[in-house]
């Protein structure tokens, strides 16, 4: 099950993770929490990079105290993605129902593809763009704010989550 074991970043995503941590994020887990949300916002997923043999292991003990934030990211991906062909009720089940391990494999793979997609976007927008990383960050935040659908608010997402809990 996701968030129970050590997590491995592989290939270019391990390389990008290191650079993002070194320049902006301080901890790998911060990238792990944010990346799937960025991937979701930008509708960007990415396949595993098996050409580059680099591997970065994030020990489960390093992110255990962040599991509520990681689960929140996971639930957002399950609720808001359009890539798995699920209807609204199925999306709610995927986000909030306890499912058998064999039932969640494809959902976990989808989540991880959003993690990788988000890492690629963060790397391109914050590291590759220029050496002025603070400026890059501010521009990226403005870009996200400008592209945000004004009808989808944090409050609306929280309401949907509360409805699904009941």
Protein backbone atom coordinates (compact mmCIF):
# COMPACT_ATOMS: atom_id res chain seq x y z
CA UNK A 1 0.00 0.00 0.00
CA UNK A 2 1.11 3.53 -0.73
CA UNK A 3 2.70 5.57 2.09
CA UNK A 4 3.59 2.46 4.12
CA UNK A 5 7.01 1.58 2.76
CA UNK A 6 10.13 3.37 1.63
CA UNK A 7 9.53 5.31 -1.56
CA UNK A 8 11.92 5.29 -4.51
CA UNK A 9 12.39 8.06 -7.04
CA UNK A 10 14.07 6.67 -10.14
CA UNK A 11 15.99 8.13 -13.06
CA UNK A 12 15.60 11.77 -13.99
CA UNK A 13 12.91 12.18 -11.33
CA UNK A 14 15.47 11.29 -8.65
CA UNK A 15 17.87 13.81 -10.16
CA UNK A 16 15.18 16.52 -10.36
CA UNK A 17 14.08 15.76 -6.79
CA UNK A 18 17.61 16.32 -5.50
CA UNK A 19 17.98 19.64 -7.31
CA UNK A 20 14.54 20.84 -6.17
CA UNK A 21 15.40 19.94 -2.58
CA UNK A 22 18.80 21.56 -2.74
CA UNK A 23 17.53 24.83 -4.22
CA UNK A 24 14.00 25.38 -2.90
CA UNK A 25 12.23 22.72 -0.87
CA UNK A 26 14.60 21.72 1.97
CA UNK A 27 13.10 18.19 2.27
CA UNK A 28 12.22 15.51 -0.27
CA UNK A 29 8.84 15.01 1.37
CA UNK A 30 7.88 18.61 0.56
CA UNK A 31 8.32 17.84 -3.13
CA UNK A 32 6.45 14.54 -2.70
CA UNK A 33 3.46 16.35 -1.17
CA UNK A 34 3.33 19.15 -3.74
CA UNK A 35 4.28 17.38 -6.97
CA UNK A 36 1.06 15.40 -7.52
CA UNK A 37 -1.02 18.54 -6.99
CA UNK A 38 1.09 20.43 -9.55
CA UNK A 39 0.80 17.48 -11.92
CA UNK A 40 -2.96 17.48 -11.43
CA UNK A 41 -3.31 21.25 -11.92
CA UNK A 42 -1.25 21.08 -15.10
CA UNK A 43 -2.82 17.75 -16.16
CA UNK A 44 0.67 16.31 -16.49
CA UNK A 45 1.69 12.74 -15.82
CA UNK A 46 5.01 11.08 -16.60
CA UNK A 47 6.25 7.55 -17.06
CA UNK A 48 9.06 6.02 -15.04
CA UNK A 49 12.47 6.91 -16.42
CA UNK A 50 14.35 3.64 -16.63
CA UNK A 51 17.15 4.97 -18.86
CA UNK A 52 18.86 6.81 -16.02
CA UNK A 53 19.90 4.40 -13.27
CA UNK A 54 19.92 7.02 -10.52
CA UNK A 55 17.74 6.14 -7.55
CA UNK A 56 16.76 8.16 -4.50
CA UNK A 57 15.24 6.35 -1.55
CA UNK A 58 12.95 8.25 0.81
CA UNK A 59 12.69 6.25 4.02
CA UNK A 60 9.15 5.75 5.30
CA UNK A 61 10.26 7.11 8.67
CA UNK A 62 11.19 10.40 6.96
CA UNK A 63 7.64 10.99 5.77
CA UNK A 64 5.45 9.20 8.37
CA UNK A 65 4.48 12.43 10.10
CA UNK A 66 3.42 13.89 6.72
CA UNK A 67 1.00 11.08 5.87
CA UNK A 68 -2.11 13.29 6.37
CA UNK A 69 -0.77 15.73 3.76
CA UNK A 70 0.20 12.90 1.42
CA UNK A 71 -3.22 11.30 1.80
CA UNK A 72 -4.82 14.66 1.06
CA UNK A 73 -2.79 14.90 -2.17
CA UNK A 74 -3.79 11.34 -3.05
CA UNK A 75 -7.48 12.06 -2.43
CA UNK A 76 -7.33 15.20 -4.57
CA UNK A 77 -5.84 13.22 -7.44
CA UNK A 78 -8.48 10.51 -7.11
CA UNK A 79 -11.31 13.09 -6.97
CA UNK A 80 -10.19 15.49 -9.68
CA UNK A 81 -8.30 13.52 -12.33
CA UNK A 82 -9.88 12.67 -15.66
CA UNK A 83 -7.43 9.96 -16.66
CA UNK A 84 -8.93 6.86 -15.04
CA UNK A 85 -12.41 7.05 -16.60
CA UNK A 86 -14.19 6.93 -13.25
CA UNK A 87 -17.54 8.60 -12.67
CA UNK A 88 -18.13 10.86 -9.64
CA UNK A 89 -19.21 8.04 -7.32
CA UNK A 90 -16.25 5.89 -8.31
CA UNK A 91 -13.91 8.84 -7.74
CA UNK A 92 -15.34 9.34 -4.25
CA UNK A 93 -14.90 5.63 -3.52
CA UNK A 94 -11.31 5.70 -4.76
CA UNK A 95 -10.55 8.69 -2.55
CA UNK A 96 -12.33 7.65 0.64
CA UNK A 97 -13.20 3.95 0.72
CA UNK A 98 -10.84 1.40 2.15
CA UNK A 99 -10.16 -0.86 -0.81
CA UNK A 100 -8.36 -4.14 -1.27
CA UNK A 101 -4.69 -3.83 -2.28
CA UNK A 102 -5.32 -5.36 -5.71
CA UNK A 103 -8.06 -2.77 -6.35
CA UNK A 104 -5.81 0.23 -5.78
CA UNK A 105 -2.75 -0.75 -7.82
CA UNK A 106 -3.80 1.23 -10.90
CA UNK A 107 -4.87 4.20 -8.75
CA UNK A 108 -1.52 4.25 -6.96
CA UNK A 109 0.26 4.05 -10.32
CA UNK A 110 -1.83 6.98 -11.55
CA UNK A 111 -0.97 8.98 -8.42
CA UNK A 112 2.73 8.22 -8.89
CA UNK A 113 2.54 9.32 -12.53
CA UNK A 114 1.15 12.67 -11.32
CA UNK A 115 4.03 12.85 -8.80
CA UNK A 116 6.52 12.37 -11.64
CA UNK A 117 4.68 14.82 -13.90
CA UNK A 118 4.64 17.41 -11.12
CA UNK A 119 8.35 16.91 -10.45
CA UNK A 120 9.10 17.52 -14.13
CA UNK A 121 7.02 20.72 -14.14
CA UNK A 122 8.58 22.00 -10.91
CA UNK A 123 12.04 21.31 -12.27
CA UNK A 124 11.38 23.04 -15.60
CA UNK A 125 9.66 26.06 -14.04
CA UNK A 126 11.85 26.54 -10.97
CA UNK A 127 15.31 25.18 -11.83
CA UNK A 128 15.80 25.03 -15.60
CA UNK A 129 14.17 28.36 -16.44
CA UNK A 130 16.92 30.56 -14.99
CA UNK A 131 19.33 30.82 -12.08
CA UNK A 132 17.04 33.31 -10.32
CA UNK A 133 15.06 30.60 -8.53
CA UNK A 134 13.09 32.99 -6.33
CA UNK A 135 11.92 34.91 -9.39
CA UNK A 136 11.06 31.60 -11.08
CA UNK A 137 9.01 30.55 -8.05
CA UNK A 138 7.09 33.82 -7.93
CA UNK A 139 6.37 33.70 -11.67
CA UNK A 140 5.20 30.11 -11.42
CA UNK A 141 2.89 30.95 -8.52
CA UNK A 142 1.43 33.83 -10.54
CA UNK A 143 1.00 31.54 -13.55
CA UNK A 144 -0.94 29.02 -11.45
CA UNK A 145 -3.08 31.75 -9.91
CA UNK A 146 -3.86 33.23 -13.34
CA UNK A 147 -4.84 29.85 -14.78
CA UNK A 148 -6.96 28.76 -11.83
CA UNK A 149 -10.66 28.26 -12.48
CA UNK A 150 -12.34 30.86 -10.25
CA UNK A 151 -15.29 28.53 -9.75
CA UNK A 152 -13.13 25.87 -8.10
CA UNK A 153 -12.11 27.11 -4.70
CA UNK A 154 -10.36 25.48 -1.79
CA UNK A 155 -13.63 25.81 0.10
CA UNK A 156 -15.51 23.92 -2.65
CA UNK A 157 -12.95 21.10 -2.52
CA UNK A 158 -13.19 20.93 1.29
CA UNK A 159 -16.99 20.81 1.07
CA UNK A 160 -16.79 17.93 -1.40
CA UNK A 161 -14.39 16.10 0.92
CA UNK A 162 -16.72 16.63 3.90
CA UNK A 163 -19.71 15.36 1.92
CA UNK A 164 -17.79 12.25 0.93
CA UNK A 165 -16.81 11.54 4.55
CA UNK A 166 -20.46 11.43 5.62
